[in-house]
Amino acid sequence: MSGRGSGGGAPDSRPWPGEPLLAVVGPTAVGKTALGIELALRLNGEVISADSMQVYRGMDIGTAKATVKERRGVPHHLLDVRDPDQPMTVAEYQGLAEEAIAAIRSRGRLPIIVGGTGLYVRAVVDRFVFTPMESDPDLRASLAEEAGREGVPALHRRLAEVDPEAAARIHPHDLRRIIRALEVYHQTGQPLSSLQRAEPRDPESVLLVGLTMDRAALYRRIEERVEQQLRDGLVEEVRGLLDRGYAPGVGPMGGLGYKEMSLYLRGEATLEEATALLKRDTRRYAKRQFTWFHADPRIVWYTISQDSDVLAIVPEIVNRVEGKWPG
């Protein structure tokens, strides 16, 4: 199967046998996007984003979404599929990802999941089965009122008492998901985590590749990315979203970059304070991603340095992929 793609040129069109699925995971800013694109070029693949923020339209700079030029002609799926006021559940993401995987395979190409939202990746790789449940508007309103009165972290602490597994993977300020998890517990008396069954894919059909980096080096890269996002117009992007009526702190507007710059634009912090807060919050997010992904023994890890090009490891990964699924 060697020669499927070479030197970053156009891949050949020979189809992949069976039902292979490649995933590239790791913490934010480590280089997953560039690696995923290069692997797609070398391996006749298409990219499926596994980023819970990149699904939203108009949220490009703050989510570090690859530009059309950066994608280099590689088809990307599950970018820009929701407006910021249209929530995306994990179950919905799973369904859309499965549709994309089937379509990519029908073209004889390799599906490559790329992203750092661990629950999205697990939902697809392990095929979680979600129990459908009607929402309770009154309960949701009551929980939202409580969060407004006592703060979202207080609600998160309550969730940790009844469902520590769900609390560990939900950000302490992600009000929507905290409320949903508490709603499930109140309705069923069981934690949300216990209602998700898994039907994993055949291990022989999946390869999980993880990128890691020395913490200090990654944190420097995070700070450099934040500075670049500001130069690229992050403040203007957030201002445009606020002007369009998207409420600060609600849904994806509570995500990294959008929450902090909203504080600045509303006069609740200086730009310097908001920038420092964004860098701190992003470092903390990367730490949680490290914890999540390192708990999965299936991931094959590749360590890169601050100064090395992530693309230097491409040949080794290509050889591993072609060795796993020879055709």
C-alpha atoms as a PDB file:
ATOM      1  CA  MET A   1       0.000   0.000   0.000  1.00  0.00           C
ATOM      2  CA  SER A   2       3.037   2.274   0.125  1.00  0.00           C
ATOM      3  CA  GLY A   3       2.827   5.087  -2.368  1.00  0.00           C
ATOM      4  CA  ARG A   4      -0.750   5.989  -1.473  1.00  0.00           C
ATOM      5  CA  GLY A   5       0.609   9.490  -1.125  1.00  0.00           C
ATOM      6  CA  SER A   6       4.139  10.804  -1.132  1.00  0.00           C
ATOM      7  CA  GLY A   7       5.912  13.981  -0.161  1.00  0.00           C
ATOM      8  CA  GLY A   8       2.686  15.846   0.508  1.00  0.00           C
ATOM      9  CA  GLY A   9       1.570  15.463  -3.096  1.00  0.00           C
ATOM     10  CA  ALA A  10      -1.756  14.137  -4.328  1.00  0.00           C
ATOM     11  CA  PRO A  11      -2.577  10.702  -2.884  1.00  0.00           C
ATOM     12  CA  ASP A  12      -3.338   7.844  -5.214  1.00  0.00           C
ATOM     13  CA  SER A  13      -6.934   6.682  -5.415  1.00  0.00           C
ATOM     14  CA  ARG A  14      -6.637   3.058  -4.361  1.00  0.00           C
ATOM     15  CA  PRO A  15      -9.334   2.427  -1.741  1.00  0.00           C
ATOM     16  CA  TRP A  16      -8.700   1.349   1.816  1.00  0.00           C
ATOM     17  CA  PRO A  17      -9.781  -2.209   2.661  1.00  0.00           C
ATOM     18  CA  GLY A  18     -12.183  -2.972   5.479  1.00  0.00           C
ATOM     19  CA  GLU A  19     -13.373  -0.277   7.858  1.00  0.00           C
ATOM     20  CA  PRO A  20     -10.264   1.485   9.177  1.00  0.00           C
ATOM     21  CA  LEU A  21     -10.577   4.597  11.337  1.00  0.00           C
ATOM     22  CA  LEU A  22      -7.616   6.784  12.294  1.00  0.00           C
ATOM     23  CA  ALA A  23      -7.827   9.338  15.117  1.00  0.00           C
ATOM     24  CA  VAL A  24      -5.335  12.076  16.012  1.00  0.00           C
ATOM     25  CA  VAL A  25      -5.784  13.372  19.565  1.00  0.00           C
ATOM     26  CA  GLY A  26      -3.968  15.365  22.224  1.00  0.00           C
ATOM     27  CA  PRO A  27      -4.026  18.685  24.069  1.00  0.00           C
ATOM     28  CA  THR A  28      -4.771  22.033  22.481  1.00  0.00           C
ATOM     29  CA  ALA A  29      -2.001  23.771  20.500  1.00  0.00           C
ATOM     30  CA  VAL A  30       0.139  20.631  20.213  1.00  0.00           C
ATOM     31  CA  GLY A  31      -0.136  20.425  16.400  1.00  0.00           C
ATOM     32  CA  LYS A  32      -3.031  18.033  15.723  1.00  0.00           C
ATOM     33  CA  THR A  33      -4.543  20.082  12.894  1.00  0.00           C
ATOM     34  CA  ALA A  34      -1.368  20.260  10.815  1.00  0.00           C
ATOM     35  CA  LEU A  35      -0.633  16.580  11.388  1.00  0.00           C
ATOM     36  CA  GLY A  36      -4.156  15.515  10.448  1.00  0.00           C
ATOM     37  CA  ILE A  37      -4.029  17.445   7.174  1.00  0.00           C
ATOM     38  CA  GLU A  38      -0.639  16.017   6.234  1.00  0.00           C
ATOM     39  CA  LEU A  39      -1.756  12.480   7.033  1.00  0.00           C
ATOM     40  CA  ALA A  40      -4.872  12.960   4.925  1.00  0.00           C
ATOM     41  CA  LEU A  41      -2.706  14.055   2.004  1.00  0.00           C
ATOM     42  CA  ARG A  42      -0.363  11.086   2.400  1.00  0.00           C
ATOM     43  CA  LEU A  43      -3.007   8.455   3.076  1.00  0.00           C
ATOM     44  CA  ASN A  44      -5.888   9.351   0.755  1.00  0.00           C
ATOM     45  CA  GLY A  45      -7.948  10.539   3.697  1.00  0.00           C
ATOM     46  CA  GLU A  46     -10.510  13.094   4.781  1.00  0.00           C
ATOM     47  CA  VAL A  47     -10.647  14.877   8.131  1.00  0.00           C
ATOM     48  CA  ILE A  48     -13.522  14.760  10.614  1.00  0.00           C
ATOM     49  CA  SER A  49     -13.200  17.455  13.275  1.00  0.00           C
ATOM     50  CA  ALA A  50     -13.626  16.330  16.883  1.00  0.00           C
ATOM     51  CA  ASP A  51     -13.700  19.795  18.416  1.00  0.00           C
ATOM     52  CA  SER A  52     -16.788  20.882  20.335  1.00  0.00           C
ATOM     53  CA  MET A  53     -16.202  24.546  19.446  1.00  0.00           C
ATOM     54  CA  GLN A  54     -15.307  24.240  15.771  1.00  0.00           C
ATOM     55  CA  VAL A  55     -18.801  23.003  14.958  1.00  0.00           C
ATOM     56  CA  TYR A  56     -20.016  26.627  15.308  1.00  0.00           C
ATOM     57  CA  ARG A  57     -20.182  29.107  12.448  1.00  0.00           C
ATOM     58  CA  GLY A  58     -18.488  32.446  12.903  1.00  0.00           C
ATOM     59  CA  MET A  59     -16.182  31.125  15.610  1.00  0.00           C
ATOM     60  CA  ASP A  60     -12.953  30.742  13.686  1.00  0.00           C
ATOM     61  CA  ILE A  61     -10.078  32.604  15.331  1.00  0.00           C
ATOM     62  CA  GLY A  62     -10.916  31.673  18.907  1.00  0.00           C
ATOM     63  CA  THR A  63     -11.258  27.994  18.018  1.00  0.00           C
ATOM     64  CA  ALA A  64      -8.059  27.895  15.910  1.00  0.00           C
ATOM     65  CA  LYS A  65     -10.100  26.548  13.004  1.00  0.00           C
ATOM     66  CA  ALA A  66      -7.964  25.716   9.964  1.00  0.00           C
ATOM     67  CA  THR A  67      -8.463  28.201   7.146  1.00  0.00           C
ATOM     68  CA  VAL A  68      -9.370  27.033   3.654  1.00  0.00           C
ATOM     69  CA  LYS A  69      -5.774  27.669   2.596  1.00  0.00           C
ATOM     70  CA  GLU A  70      -4.392  25.694   5.530  1.00  0.00           C
ATOM     71  CA  ARG A  71      -6.626  22.724   4.667  1.00  0.00           C
ATOM     72  CA  ARG A  72      -4.719  22.358   1.367  1.00  0.00           C
ATOM     73  CA  GLY A  73      -7.658  20.844  -0.466  1.00  0.00           C
ATOM     74  CA  VAL A  74      -8.301  18.151   2.147  1.00  0.00           C
ATOM     75  CA  PRO A  75     -12.062  17.744   2.744  1.00  0.00           C
ATOM     76  CA  HIS A  76     -13.037  18.620   6.315  1.00  0.00           C
ATOM     77  CA  HIS A  77     -16.250  17.497   7.992  1.00  0.00           C
ATOM     78  CA  LEU A  78     -18.196  18.795  11.022  1.00  0.00           C
ATOM     79  CA  LEU A  79     -16.891  22.329  10.815  1.00  0.00           C
ATOM     80  CA  ASP A  80     -19.471  25.148  10.786  1.00  0.00           C
ATOM     81  CA  VAL A  81     -22.550  22.937  11.186  1.00  0.00           C
ATOM     82  CA  ARG A  82     -24.306  24.955  13.918  1.00  0.00           C
ATOM     83  CA  ASP A  83     -24.969  28.597  14.721  1.00  0.00           C
ATOM     84  CA  PRO A  84     -23.712  29.639  18.169  1.00  0.00           C
ATOM     85  CA  ASP A  85     -27.236  29.512  19.609  1.00  0.00           C
ATOM     86  CA  GLN A  86     -27.827  25.949  18.354  1.00  0.00           C
ATOM     87  CA  PRO A  87     -26.410  23.449  20.886  1.00  0.00           C
ATOM     88  CA  MET A  88     -24.638  20.317  19.710  1.00  0.00           C
ATOM     89  CA  THR A  89     -25.082  17.295  21.947  1.00  0.00           C
ATOM     90  CA  VAL A  90     -22.574  14.467  22.027  1.00  0.00           C
ATOM     91  CA  ALA A  91     -25.223  12.134  20.611  1.00  0.00           C
ATOM     92  CA  GLU A  92     -25.848  14.530  17.703  1.00  0.00           C
ATOM     93  CA  TYR A  93     -22.138  14.809  17.043  1.00  0.00           C
ATOM     94  CA  GLN A  94     -21.834  11.035  17.078  1.00  0.00           C
ATOM     95  CA  GLY A  95     -24.594  10.678  14.491  1.00  0.00           C
ATOM     96  CA  LEU A  96     -23.078  13.289  12.171  1.00  0.00           C
ATOM     97  CA  ALA A  97     -19.621  11.747  12.525  1.00  0.00           C
ATOM     98  CA  GLU A  98     -20.944   8.288  11.657  1.00  0.00           C
ATOM     99  CA  GLU A  99     -22.578   9.720   8.538  1.00  0.00           C
ATOM    100  CA  ALA A 100     -19.301  11.368   7.545  1.00  0.00           C
ATOM    101  CA  ILE A 101     -17.342   8.151   8.149  1.00  0.00           C
ATOM    102  CA  ALA A 102     -19.733   6.176   5.941  1.00  0.00           C
ATOM    103  CA  ALA A 103     -19.543   8.775   3.167  1.00  0.00           C
ATOM    104  CA  ILE A 104     -15.734   8.896   3.281  1.00  0.00           C
ATOM    105  CA  ARG A 105     -15.490   5.115   3.123  1.00  0.00           C
ATOM    106  CA  SER A 106     -17.911   5.018   0.191  1.00  0.00           C
ATOM    107  CA  ARG A 107     -15.304   7.042  -1.702  1.00  0.00           C
ATOM    108  CA  GLY A 108     -12.616   4.520  -0.768  1.00  0.00           C
ATOM    109  CA  ARG A 109     -10.852   7.032   1.456  1.00  0.00           C
ATOM    110  CA  LEU A 110      -9.580   6.919   5.034  1.00  0.00           C
ATOM    111  CA  PRO A 111     -11.626   8.701   7.749  1.00  0.00           C
ATOM    112  CA  ILE A 112      -9.304  10.642  10.077  1.00  0.00           C
ATOM    113  CA  ILE A 113     -10.810  12.064  13.270  1.00  0.00           C
ATOM    114  CA  VAL A 114      -8.782  15.041  14.485  1.00  0.00           C
ATOM    115  CA  GLY A 115      -9.458  16.937  17.683  1.00  0.00           C
ATOM    116  CA  GLY A 116      -9.111  17.387  21.395  1.00  0.00           C
ATOM    117  CA  THR A 117     -12.678  16.935  22.641  1.00  0.00           C
ATOM    118  CA  GLY A 118     -12.192  13.584  24.308  1.00  0.00           C
ATOM    119  CA  LEU A 119     -15.858  12.740  24.713  1.00  0.00           C
ATOM    120  CA  TYR A 120     -16.495  13.306  20.995  1.00  0.00           C
ATOM    121  CA  VAL A 121     -13.678  10.928  20.101  1.00  0.00           C
ATOM    122  CA  ARG A 122     -14.816   8.292  22.583  1.00  0.00           C
ATOM    123  CA  ALA A 123     -18.430   8.555  21.440  1.00  0.00           C
ATOM    124  CA  VAL A 124     -17.358   7.566  17.925  1.00  0.00           C
ATOM    125  CA  VAL A 125     -14.558   5.105  18.679  1.00  0.00           C
ATOM    126  CA  ASP A 126     -16.465   3.307  21.449  1.00  0.00           C
ATOM    127  CA  ARG A 127     -19.897   3.849  19.894  1.00  0.00           C
ATOM    128  CA  PHE A 128     -21.636   5.084  23.019  1.00  0.00           C
ATOM    129  CA  VAL A 129     -25.366   4.396  23.013  1.00  0.00           C
ATOM    130  CA  PHE A 130     -27.252   7.331  24.491  1.00  0.00           C
ATOM    131  CA  THR A 131     -30.568   6.848  26.256  1.00  0.00           C
ATOM    132  CA  PRO A 132     -33.129   9.271  24.800  1.00  0.00           C
ATOM    133  CA  MET A 133     -34.909  11.328  27.451  1.00  0.00           C
ATOM    134  CA  GLU A 134     -37.433  14.156  27.461  1.00  0.00           C
ATOM    135  CA  SER A 135     -36.211  17.468  28.837  1.00  0.00           C
ATOM    136  CA  ASP A 136     -37.798  19.038  31.912  1.00  0.00           C
ATOM    137  CA  PRO A 137     -38.119  22.810  31.273  1.00  0.00           C
ATOM    138  CA  ASP A 138     -39.136  23.593  34.858  1.00  0.00           C
ATOM    139  CA  LEU A 139     -36.192  21.707  36.342  1.00  0.00           C
ATOM    140  CA  ARG A 140     -33.801  23.314  33.876  1.00  0.00           C
ATOM    141  CA  ALA A 141     -35.127  26.768  34.730  1.00  0.00           C
ATOM    142  CA  SER A 142     -34.743  26.057  38.436  1.00  0.00           C
ATOM    143  CA  LEU A 143     -31.156  24.875  37.993  1.00  0.00           C
ATOM    144  CA  ALA A 144     -30.320  27.891  35.831  1.00  0.00           C
ATOM    145  CA  GLU A 145     -31.770  30.184  38.489  1.00  0.00           C
ATOM    146  CA  GLU A 146     -29.666  28.435  41.120  1.00  0.00           C
ATOM    147  CA  ALA A 147     -26.553  28.892  38.981  1.00  0.00           C
ATOM    148  CA  GLY A 148     -27.318  32.577  38.641  1.00  0.00           C
ATOM    149  CA  ARG A 149     -27.757  32.898  42.377  1.00  0.00           C
ATOM    150  CA  GLU A 150     -24.883  30.762  43.635  1.00  0.00           C
ATOM    151  CA  GLY A 151     -22.595  30.560  40.599  1.00  0.00           C
ATOM    152  CA  VAL A 152     -22.054  27.846  37.989  1.00  0.00           C
ATOM    153  CA  PRO A 153     -19.147  26.231  39.917  1.00  0.00           C
ATOM    154  CA  ALA A 154     -21.540  25.591  42.824  1.00  0.00           C
ATOM    155  CA  LEU A 155     -23.803  23.649  40.479  1.00  0.00           C
ATOM    156  CA  HIS A 156     -20.771  21.766  39.185  1.00  0.00           C
ATOM    157  CA  ARG A 157     -19.852  20.794  42.763  1.00  0.00           C
ATOM    158  CA  ARG A 158     -23.363  19.423  43.237  1.00  0.00           C
ATOM    159  CA  LEU A 159     -22.930  17.354  40.078  1.00  0.00           C
ATOM    160  CA  ALA A 160     -19.617  16.015  41.401  1.00  0.00           C
ATOM    161  CA  GLU A 161     -21.446  14.666  44.442  1.00  0.00           C
ATOM    162  CA  VAL A 162     -23.927  12.593  42.414  1.00  0.00           C
ATOM    163  CA  ASP A 163     -21.945  11.865  39.246  1.00  0.00           C
ATOM    164  CA  PRO A 164     -18.195  12.382  39.719  1.00  0.00           C
ATOM    165  CA  GLU A 165     -17.389  10.775  36.362  1.00  0.00           C
ATOM    166  CA  ALA A 166     -19.558  13.253  34.442  1.00  0.00           C
ATOM    167  CA  ALA A 167     -18.275  16.158  36.541  1.00  0.00           C
ATOM    168  CA  ALA A 168     -14.687  15.215  35.731  1.00  0.00           C
ATOM    169  CA  ARG A 169     -15.262  15.601  32.003  1.00  0.00           C
ATOM    170  CA  ILE A 170     -17.538  18.675  32.110  1.00  0.00           C
ATOM    171  CA  HIS A 171     -15.924  22.081  32.509  1.00  0.00           C
ATOM    172  CA  PRO A 172     -16.937  23.805  35.791  1.00  0.00           C
ATOM    173  CA  HIS A 173     -18.395  26.708  33.775  1.00  0.00           C
ATOM    174  CA  ASP A 174     -20.202  24.665  31.093  1.00  0.00           C
ATOM    175  CA  LEU A 175     -23.677  25.441  32.437  1.00  0.00           C
ATOM    176  CA  ARG A 176     -25.623  23.712  29.655  1.00  0.00           C
ATOM    177  CA  ARG A 177     -23.932  20.339  30.110  1.00  0.00           C
ATOM    178  CA  ILE A 178     -23.960  20.587  33.915  1.00  0.00           C
ATOM    179  CA  ILE A 179     -27.709  21.198  33.857  1.00  0.00           C
ATOM    180  CA  ARG A 180     -28.246  18.301  31.442  1.00  0.00           C
ATOM    181  CA  ALA A 181     -26.299  15.889  33.656  1.00  0.00           C
ATOM    182  CA  LEU A 182     -28.197  16.982  36.765  1.00  0.00           C
ATOM    183  CA  GLU A 183     -31.478  16.728  34.875  1.00  0.00           C
ATOM    184  CA  VAL A 184     -30.726  13.117  33.968  1.00  0.00           C
ATOM    185  CA  TYR A 185     -29.905  12.319  37.593  1.00  0.00           C
ATOM    186  CA  HIS A 186     -33.086  13.950  38.903  1.00  0.00           C
ATOM    187  CA  GLN A 187     -35.240  12.164  36.318  1.00  0.00           C
ATOM    188  CA  THR A 188     -33.760   8.686  36.619  1.00  0.00           C
ATOM    189  CA  GLY A 189     -31.995   8.569  39.974  1.00  0.00           C
ATOM    190  CA  GLN A 190     -28.927   7.361  38.087  1.00  0.00           C
ATOM    191  CA  PRO A 191     -25.839   9.284  36.959  1.00  0.00           C
ATOM    192  CA  LEU A 192     -25.589  10.227  33.296  1.00  0.00           C
ATOM    193  CA  SER A 193     -22.374   8.222  33.008  1.00  0.00           C
ATOM    194  CA  SER A 194     -24.209   4.998  33.908  1.00  0.00           C
ATOM    195  CA  LEU A 195     -26.776   5.548  31.157  1.00  0.00           C
ATOM    196  CA  GLN A 196     -24.187   5.518  28.380  1.00  0.00           C
ATOM    197  CA  ARG A 197     -23.446   2.024  27.147  1.00  0.00           C
ATOM    198  CA  ALA A 198     -20.503   1.405  24.895  1.00  0.00           C
ATOM    199  CA  GLU A 199     -20.284  -0.862  21.871  1.00  0.00           C
ATOM    200  CA  PRO A 200     -16.668  -0.363  20.822  1.00  0.00           C
ATOM    201  CA  ARG A 201     -15.495  -0.797  17.268  1.00  0.00           C
ATOM    202  CA  ASP A 202     -13.286  -3.746  16.419  1.00  0.00           C
ATOM    203  CA  PRO A 203      -9.858  -2.811  17.857  1.00  0.00           C
ATOM    204  CA  GLU A 204      -8.261  -3.961  14.617  1.00  0.00           C
ATOM    205  CA  SER A 205     -10.188  -1.294  12.706  1.00  0.00           C
ATOM    206  CA  VAL A 206      -9.070   1.633  14.884  1.00  0.00           C
ATOM    207  CA  LEU A 207      -5.742   3.372  15.361  1.00  0.00           C
ATOM    208  CA  LEU A 208      -5.487   6.160  17.940  1.00  0.00           C
ATOM    209  CA  VAL A 209      -2.475   8.457  17.584  1.00  0.00           C
ATOM    210  CA  GLY A 210      -1.703  10.937  20.340  1.00  0.00           C
ATOM    211  CA  LEU A 211       0.568  13.985  20.298  1.00  0.00           C
ATOM    212  CA  THR A 212       2.251  15.036  23.508  1.00  0.00           C
ATOM    213  CA  MET A 213       4.826  17.620  24.507  1.00  0.00           C
ATOM    214  CA  ASP A 214       6.741  18.765  27.551  1.00  0.00           C
ATOM    215  CA  ARG A 215       4.285  20.785  29.653  1.00  0.00           C
ATOM    216  CA  ALA A 216       6.448  23.904  29.835  1.00  0.00           C
ATOM    217  CA  ALA A 217       6.982  23.860  26.067  1.00  0.00           C
ATOM    218  CA  LEU A 218       3.273  23.370  25.424  1.00  0.00           C
ATOM    219  CA  TYR A 219       2.359  26.211  27.749  1.00  0.00           C
ATOM    220  CA  ARG A 220       4.752  28.503  25.863  1.00  0.00           C
ATOM    221  CA  ARG A 221       3.099  27.441  22.623  1.00  0.00           C
ATOM    222  CA  ILE A 222      -0.316  28.177  24.111  1.00  0.00           C
ATOM    223  CA  GLU A 223       0.754  31.682  25.080  1.00  0.00           C
ATOM    224  CA  GLU A 224       2.153  32.273  21.593  1.00  0.00           C
ATOM    225  CA  ARG A 225      -1.105  31.067  20.049  1.00  0.00           C
ATOM    226  CA  VAL A 226      -3.164  33.436  22.191  1.00  0.00           C
ATOM    227  CA  GLU A 227      -0.973  36.362  21.144  1.00  0.00           C
ATOM    228  CA  GLN A 228      -1.362  35.359  17.496  1.00  0.00           C
ATOM    229  CA  GLN A 229      -5.144  35.052  17.874  1.00  0.00           C
ATOM    230  CA  LEU A 230      -5.257  38.601  19.189  1.00  0.00           C
ATOM    231  CA  ARG A 231      -3.216  39.812  16.215  1.00  0.00           C
ATOM    232  CA  ASP A 232      -5.530  37.894  13.887  1.00  0.00           C
ATOM    233  CA  GLY A 233      -8.600  39.704  15.252  1.00  0.00           C
ATOM    234  CA  LEU A 234      -9.992  37.656  18.137  1.00  0.00           C
ATOM    235  CA  VAL A 235     -11.427  40.732  19.849  1.00  0.00           C
ATOM    236  CA  GLU A 236     -13.180  41.789  16.645  1.00  0.00           C
ATOM    237  CA  GLU A 237     -14.564  38.274  16.151  1.00  0.00           C
ATOM    238  CA  VAL A 238     -16.049  38.263  19.661  1.00  0.00           C
ATOM    239  CA  ARG A 239     -17.400  41.789  19.241  1.00  0.00           C
ATOM    240  CA  GLY A 240     -19.163  40.715  16.049  1.00  0.00           C
ATOM    241  CA  LEU A 241     -20.805  37.776  17.794  1.00  0.00           C
ATOM    242  CA  LEU A 242     -21.981  39.966  20.675  1.00  0.00           C
ATOM    243  CA  ASP A 243     -23.334  42.517  18.194  1.00  0.00           C
ATOM    244  CA  ARG A 244     -25.325  39.726  16.525  1.00  0.00           C
ATOM    245  CA  GLY A 245     -27.061  39.069  19.827  1.00  0.00           C
ATOM    246  CA  TYR A 246     -25.255  36.003  21.110  1.00  0.00           C
ATOM    247  CA  ALA A 247     -25.281  36.274  24.887  1.00  0.00           C
ATOM    248  CA  PRO A 248     -21.900  36.338  26.641  1.00  0.00           C
ATOM    249  CA  GLY A 249     -21.148  33.224  28.630  1.00  0.00           C
ATOM    250  CA  VAL A 250     -24.007  31.222  27.091  1.00  0.00           C
ATOM    251  CA  GLY A 251     -23.230  28.021  25.173  1.00  0.00           C
ATOM    252  CA  PRO A 252     -20.111  28.365  23.020  1.00  0.00           C
ATOM    253  CA  MET A 253     -19.835  32.027  24.018  1.00  0.00           C
ATOM    254  CA  GLY A 254     -18.607  30.653  27.338  1.00  0.00           C
ATOM    255  CA  GLY A 255     -15.776  28.857  25.556  1.00  0.00           C
ATOM    256  CA  LEU A 256     -12.094  29.703  25.628  1.00  0.00           C
ATOM    257  CA  GLY A 257     -11.391  33.080  24.070  1.00  0.00           C
ATOM    258  CA  TYR A 258     -15.012  34.127  23.830  1.00  0.00           C
ATOM    259  CA  LYS A 259     -15.654  34.251  27.568  1.00  0.00           C
ATOM    260  CA  GLU A 260     -12.485  36.189  28.323  1.00  0.00           C
ATOM    261  CA  MET A 261     -12.766  38.699  25.467  1.00  0.00           C
ATOM    262  CA  SER A 262     -16.437  39.249  26.332  1.00  0.00           C
ATOM    263  CA  LEU A 263     -15.297  40.379  29.779  1.00  0.00           C
ATOM    264  CA  TYR A 264     -12.997  42.905  28.133  1.00  0.00           C
ATOM    265  CA  LEU A 265     -15.616  44.161  25.678  1.00  0.00           C
ATOM    266  CA  ARG A 266     -18.147  44.602  28.478  1.00  0.00           C
ATOM    267  CA  GLY A 267     -15.681  46.642  30.503  1.00  0.00           C
ATOM    268  CA  GLU A 268     -15.303  43.985  33.208  1.00  0.00           C
ATOM    269  CA  ALA A 269     -11.583  43.473  32.567  1.00  0.00           C
ATOM    270  CA  THR A 270      -8.752  45.225  30.783  1.00  0.00           C
ATOM    271  CA  LEU A 271      -7.387  43.627  27.631  1.00  0.00           C
ATOM    272  CA  GLU A 272      -4.258  42.638  29.541  1.00  0.00           C
ATOM    273  CA  GLU A 273      -6.343  41.006  32.275  1.00  0.00           C
ATOM    274  CA  ALA A 274      -8.535  39.188  29.757  1.00  0.00           C
ATOM    275  CA  THR A 275      -5.482  37.963  27.861  1.00  0.00           C
ATOM    276  CA  ALA A 276      -3.831  36.663  31.028  1.00  0.00           C
ATOM    277  CA  LEU A 277      -7.073  34.918  31.986  1.00  0.00           C
ATOM    278  CA  LEU A 278      -7.329  33.292  28.541  1.00  0.00           C
ATOM    279  CA  LYS A 279      -3.771  31.997  28.735  1.00  0.00           C
ATOM    280  CA  ARG A 280      -4.393  30.609  32.221  1.00  0.00           C
ATOM    281  CA  ASP A 281      -7.696  28.967  31.283  1.00  0.00           C
ATOM    282  CA  THR A 282      -6.179  27.428  28.159  1.00  0.00           C
ATOM    283  CA  ARG A 283      -3.300  25.954  30.159  1.00  0.00           C
ATOM    284  CA  ARG A 284      -5.818  24.449  32.569  1.00  0.00           C
ATOM    285  CA  TYR A 285      -7.829  23.029  29.671  1.00  0.00           C
ATOM    286  CA  ALA A 286      -4.688  21.431  28.210  1.00  0.00           C
ATOM    287  CA  LYS A 287      -3.971  19.848  31.581  1.00  0.00           C
ATOM    288  CA  ARG A 288      -7.444  18.302  31.668  1.00  0.00           C
ATOM    289  CA  GLN A 289      -6.950  16.993  28.120  1.00  0.00           C
ATOM    290  CA  PHE A 290      -3.657  15.380  29.144  1.00  0.00           C
ATOM    291  CA  THR A 291      -5.452  13.637  32.007  1.00  0.00           C
ATOM    292  CA  TRP A 292      -8.324  12.441  29.800  1.00  0.00           C
ATOM    293  CA  PHE A 293      -6.261  11.060  26.928  1.00  0.00           C
ATOM    294  CA  HIS A 294      -3.478   9.503  28.993  1.00  0.00           C
ATOM    295  CA  ALA A 295      -6.104   7.336  30.663  1.00  0.00           C
ATOM    296  CA  ASP A 296      -6.700   5.530  27.336  1.00  0.00           C
ATOM    297  CA  PRO A 297      -4.126   2.724  26.913  1.00  0.00           C
ATOM    298  CA  ARG A 298      -4.986   2.295  23.230  1.00  0.00           C
ATOM    299  CA  ILE A 299      -3.378   5.587  22.199  1.00  0.00           C
ATOM    300  CA  VAL A 300       0.032   5.386  20.499  1.00  0.00           C
ATOM    301  CA  TRP A 301       1.927   8.454  21.713  1.00  0.00           C
ATOM    302  CA  TYR A 302       4.390  10.612  19.804  1.00  0.00           C
ATOM    303  CA  THR A 303       6.375  13.242  21.683  1.00  0.00           C
ATOM    304  CA  ILE A 304       7.398  16.415  19.890  1.00  0.00           C
ATOM    305  CA  SER A 305       9.509  19.315  21.088  1.00  0.00           C
ATOM    306  CA  GLN A 306       8.778  23.017  21.009  1.00  0.00           C
ATOM    307  CA  ASP A 307      11.271  23.568  18.210  1.00  0.00           C
ATOM    308  CA  SER A 308      10.630  20.492  16.088  1.00  0.00           C
ATOM    309  CA  ASP A 309       8.201  20.349  13.221  1.00  0.00           C
ATOM    310  CA  VAL A 310       5.275  18.068  13.993  1.00  0.00           C
ATOM    311  CA  LEU A 311       5.416  16.921  10.376  1.00  0.00           C
ATOM    312  CA  ALA A 312       8.740  15.182  11.083  1.00  0.00           C
ATOM    313  CA  ILE A 313       6.814  12.277  12.621  1.00  0.00           C
ATOM    314  CA  VAL A 314       4.528  11.846   9.592  1.00  0.00           C
ATOM    315  CA  PRO A 315       6.582   9.092   7.865  1.00  0.00           C
ATOM    316  CA  GLU A 316       6.593   6.962  11.026  1.00  0.00           C
ATOM    317  CA  ILE A 317       2.829   7.305  11.446  1.00  0.00           C
ATOM    318  CA  VAL A 318       2.230   6.578   7.755  1.00  0.00           C
ATOM    319  CA  ASN A 319       4.286   3.385   8.054  1.00  0.00           C
ATOM    320  CA  ARG A 320       2.326   2.360  11.144  1.00  0.00           C
ATOM    321  CA  VAL A 321      -1.002   2.954   9.408  1.00  0.00           C
ATOM    322  CA  GLU A 322      -0.004   1.088   6.262  1.00  0.00           C
ATOM    323  CA  GLY A 323       1.403  -1.761   8.353  1.00  0.00           C
ATOM    324  CA  LYS A 324      -1.846  -2.063  10.315  1.00  0.00           C
ATOM    325  CA  TRP A 325      -4.092  -2.044   7.234  1.00  0.00           C
ATOM    326  CA  PRO A 326      -2.111  -3.441   4.302  1.00  0.00           C
ATOM    327  CA  GLY A 327      -3.973  -3.725   1.051  1.00  0.00           C
END
